[in-house]
Protein backbone atom coordinates (compact mmCIF):
# COMPACT_ATOMS: atom_id res chain seq x y z
CA MET A 1 -21.08 136.59 312.12
CA ARG A 2 -22.00 133.48 314.03
CA LYS A 3 -25.70 133.97 313.31
CA GLN A 4 -25.03 134.25 309.57
CA LEU A 5 -22.91 131.11 309.58
CA PHE A 6 -25.61 129.22 311.51
CA ALA A 7 -28.36 130.49 309.17
CA GLY A 8 -26.34 129.44 306.10
CA LEU A 9 -25.71 125.98 307.55
CA CYS A 10 -29.44 125.57 308.32
CA ALA A 11 -30.30 126.58 304.74
CA VAL A 12 -27.91 123.97 303.30
CA VAL A 13 -29.33 121.25 305.57
CA LEU A 14 -32.89 122.23 304.67
CA LEU A 15 -32.14 122.17 300.92
CA SER A 16 -30.47 118.78 301.19
CA LEU A 17 -33.59 117.41 302.90
CA ILE A 18 -36.03 118.90 300.39
CA SER A 19 -34.23 118.01 297.12
CA PRO A 20 -34.76 114.19 297.37
CA LEU A 21 -38.52 114.76 297.70
CA ALA A 22 -38.95 115.96 294.10
CA PRO A 23 -38.12 112.57 292.51
CA VAL A 24 -40.35 110.82 295.05
CA ARG A 25 -43.26 113.09 294.09
CA ALA A 26 -42.61 112.40 290.39
CA GLN A 27 -42.61 108.64 290.99
CA THR A 28 -45.81 108.87 293.02
CA ALA A 29 -47.50 110.88 290.27
CA ALA A 30 -46.44 108.26 287.70
CA VAL A 31 -47.89 105.46 289.83
CA GLU A 32 -51.15 107.37 290.34
CA THR A 33 -51.42 108.04 286.59
CA ARG A 34 -50.77 104.41 285.74
CA HIS A 35 -53.56 103.23 288.07
CA ALA A 36 -56.05 105.97 287.21
CA GLU A 37 -57.68 103.73 284.58
CA PRO A 38 -59.75 100.90 286.06
CA TYR A 39 -58.40 97.38 285.65
CA TYR A 40 -61.67 96.23 284.08
CA ASP A 41 -64.18 98.72 282.73
CA VAL A 42 -67.49 97.04 281.84
CA ASN A 43 -68.36 100.10 279.71
CA ARG A 44 -65.50 99.16 277.33
CA GLU A 45 -66.64 95.59 276.81
CA VAL A 46 -66.80 94.18 273.30
CA THR A 47 -67.74 90.78 271.92
CA LEU A 48 -65.31 89.02 269.59
CA THR A 49 -66.29 86.14 267.34
CA GLY A 50 -63.55 83.81 266.22
CA THR A 51 -62.15 80.34 265.82
CA VAL A 52 -60.11 78.79 268.61
CA SER A 53 -56.63 78.16 267.24
CA SER A 54 -55.25 76.88 270.54
CA VAL A 55 -56.30 76.23 274.14
CA VAL A 56 -53.42 77.14 276.47
CA LYS A 57 -53.67 75.54 279.91
CA GLN A 58 -50.23 76.66 281.12
CA PRO A 59 -49.09 80.13 279.97
CA SER A 60 -45.77 80.48 278.21
CA ALA A 61 -43.19 83.19 278.94
CA GLY A 62 -44.65 86.66 278.51
CA MET A 63 -48.29 85.61 279.03
CA ILE A 64 -50.24 86.58 282.12
CA ILE A 65 -51.03 83.85 284.64
CA GLY A 66 -53.88 81.46 283.92
CA SER A 67 -55.33 79.68 280.94
CA HIS A 68 -55.87 81.32 277.55
CA LEU A 69 -57.73 80.87 274.30
CA LEU A 70 -55.82 81.91 271.22
CA LEU A 71 -58.40 83.08 268.71
CA GLU A 72 -58.37 83.87 265.03
CA THR A 73 -60.81 86.71 264.37
CA SER A 74 -61.56 88.80 261.30
CA SER A 75 -59.21 91.43 262.82
CA GLY A 76 -56.35 89.00 263.46
CA SER A 77 -55.06 86.87 266.33
CA VAL A 78 -56.24 87.56 269.87
CA ASP A 79 -54.97 86.20 273.20
CA ALA A 80 -58.07 85.82 275.41
CA SER A 81 -57.20 85.34 279.08
CA LEU A 82 -59.48 82.93 280.95
CA GLY A 83 -57.77 83.42 284.31
CA LYS A 84 -56.81 80.77 286.81
CA TRP A 85 -60.15 78.92 286.88
CA GLY A 86 -61.51 79.29 283.35
CA LEU A 87 -60.80 75.66 282.47
CA GLN A 88 -61.09 74.17 285.98
CA GLY A 89 -63.90 72.81 288.14
CA LYS A 90 -67.63 72.47 287.73
CA GLY A 91 -69.07 74.69 285.01
CA ALA A 92 -65.65 75.22 283.43
CA LEU A 93 -65.29 76.11 279.78
CA SER A 94 -64.98 73.10 277.52
CA VAL A 95 -63.69 74.04 274.08
CA ALA A 96 -61.20 72.70 271.54
CA ALA A 97 -59.16 74.06 268.65
CA GLY A 98 -61.27 74.66 265.56
CA GLU A 99 -64.46 75.60 267.41
CA GLN A 100 -66.28 78.90 266.88
CA VAL A 101 -66.72 81.01 270.04
CA GLU A 102 -67.98 84.42 271.11
CA VAL A 103 -65.86 86.04 273.81
CA THR A 104 -67.04 89.13 275.69
CA GLY A 105 -64.46 91.18 277.58
CA VAL A 106 -62.05 94.09 277.55
CA MET A 107 -58.76 94.52 275.67
CA LYS A 108 -55.88 95.59 277.94
CA THR A 109 -52.12 95.97 277.79
CA LEU A 110 -50.56 94.01 280.65
CA ASN A 111 -46.83 93.42 281.08
CA GLY A 112 -46.36 95.10 277.69
CA ASN A 113 -48.61 92.60 275.87
CA ARG A 114 -52.12 93.05 274.45
CA VAL A 115 -54.52 90.61 276.10
CA PHE A 116 -58.29 90.29 275.97
CA LEU A 117 -59.66 89.80 279.50
CA ALA A 118 -62.59 87.48 278.91
CA ARG A 119 -65.67 87.99 281.06
CA SER A 120 -67.72 85.29 279.35
CA VAL A 121 -67.31 82.77 276.56
CA LYS A 122 -70.18 81.43 274.47
CA ALA A 123 -69.39 78.02 272.96
CA ASN A 124 -71.63 75.19 271.78
CA GLY A 125 -74.73 77.25 272.61
CA GLN A 126 -73.72 77.65 276.27
CA VAL A 127 -72.39 80.76 278.05
CA TYR A 128 -69.48 80.20 280.43
CA PRO A 129 -68.87 82.98 283.02
CA ILE A 130 -65.16 83.73 283.48
CA ARG A 131 -65.09 87.05 285.39
CA ASN A 132 -67.67 89.23 287.08
CA GLU A 133 -68.51 92.79 285.97
CA HIS A 134 -65.52 94.09 287.97
CA GLY A 135 -63.06 91.79 286.19
CA ILE A 136 -62.61 89.46 289.18
CA GLN A 137 -62.09 85.86 288.14
CA MET A 138 -64.92 83.50 289.04
CA SER A 139 -63.87 80.42 290.97
CA PRO A 140 -65.60 77.08 290.36
CA GLN A 141 -67.50 77.62 293.63
CA ALA A 142 -68.70 81.06 292.49
CA ARG A 143 -69.85 79.61 289.16
CA GLU A 144 -71.73 76.85 291.00
CA ARG A 145 -73.46 79.37 293.29
CA MET A 146 -74.33 81.48 290.26
CA SER A 147 -75.89 78.53 288.43
CA GLN A 148 -77.82 77.49 291.56
CA ASN A 149 -79.18 81.02 292.00
CA ALA A 150 -80.11 81.21 288.32
CA GLY A 151 -81.87 77.84 288.60
CA GLN A 152 -83.87 79.02 291.59
CA LYS A 153 -85.00 82.08 289.66
CA GLY A 154 -85.80 80.04 286.55
CA GLU A 155 -83.04 81.73 284.52
CA THR A 156 -80.43 80.22 282.25
CA LEU A 157 -76.81 81.26 282.08
């Protein structure tokens, strides 16, 4: 009788320890699924041509951090993220409302909003690098090194 009581008590304790693990596994699976897609996939890059309707230096509520170009394209309005350094430092993008630009990047949904992660912007006949092929924002120092390396090789950006 004592053995049966002990076995039953052990079974209850074991079940109470196992049951909280199911929701944890479900949450882990959801996190893994959410991050299965790469943040920036160079194979999904497209180039948009449009007119700058606004240059946003400080994002408003709901926008991701960094500067943005709001573009009017043939498909509608697009929020192009330039990241933290897109408008800062040596080699920074210089563009104003009303100008025509070509922006190459990847469309993503971040914080529930559609945003175009710009990798490069072509304006006034010049190409401005914004991110590398992995989607990492290029600092002013990285842009300067890139232009120096291109100059040494006789290339243009």
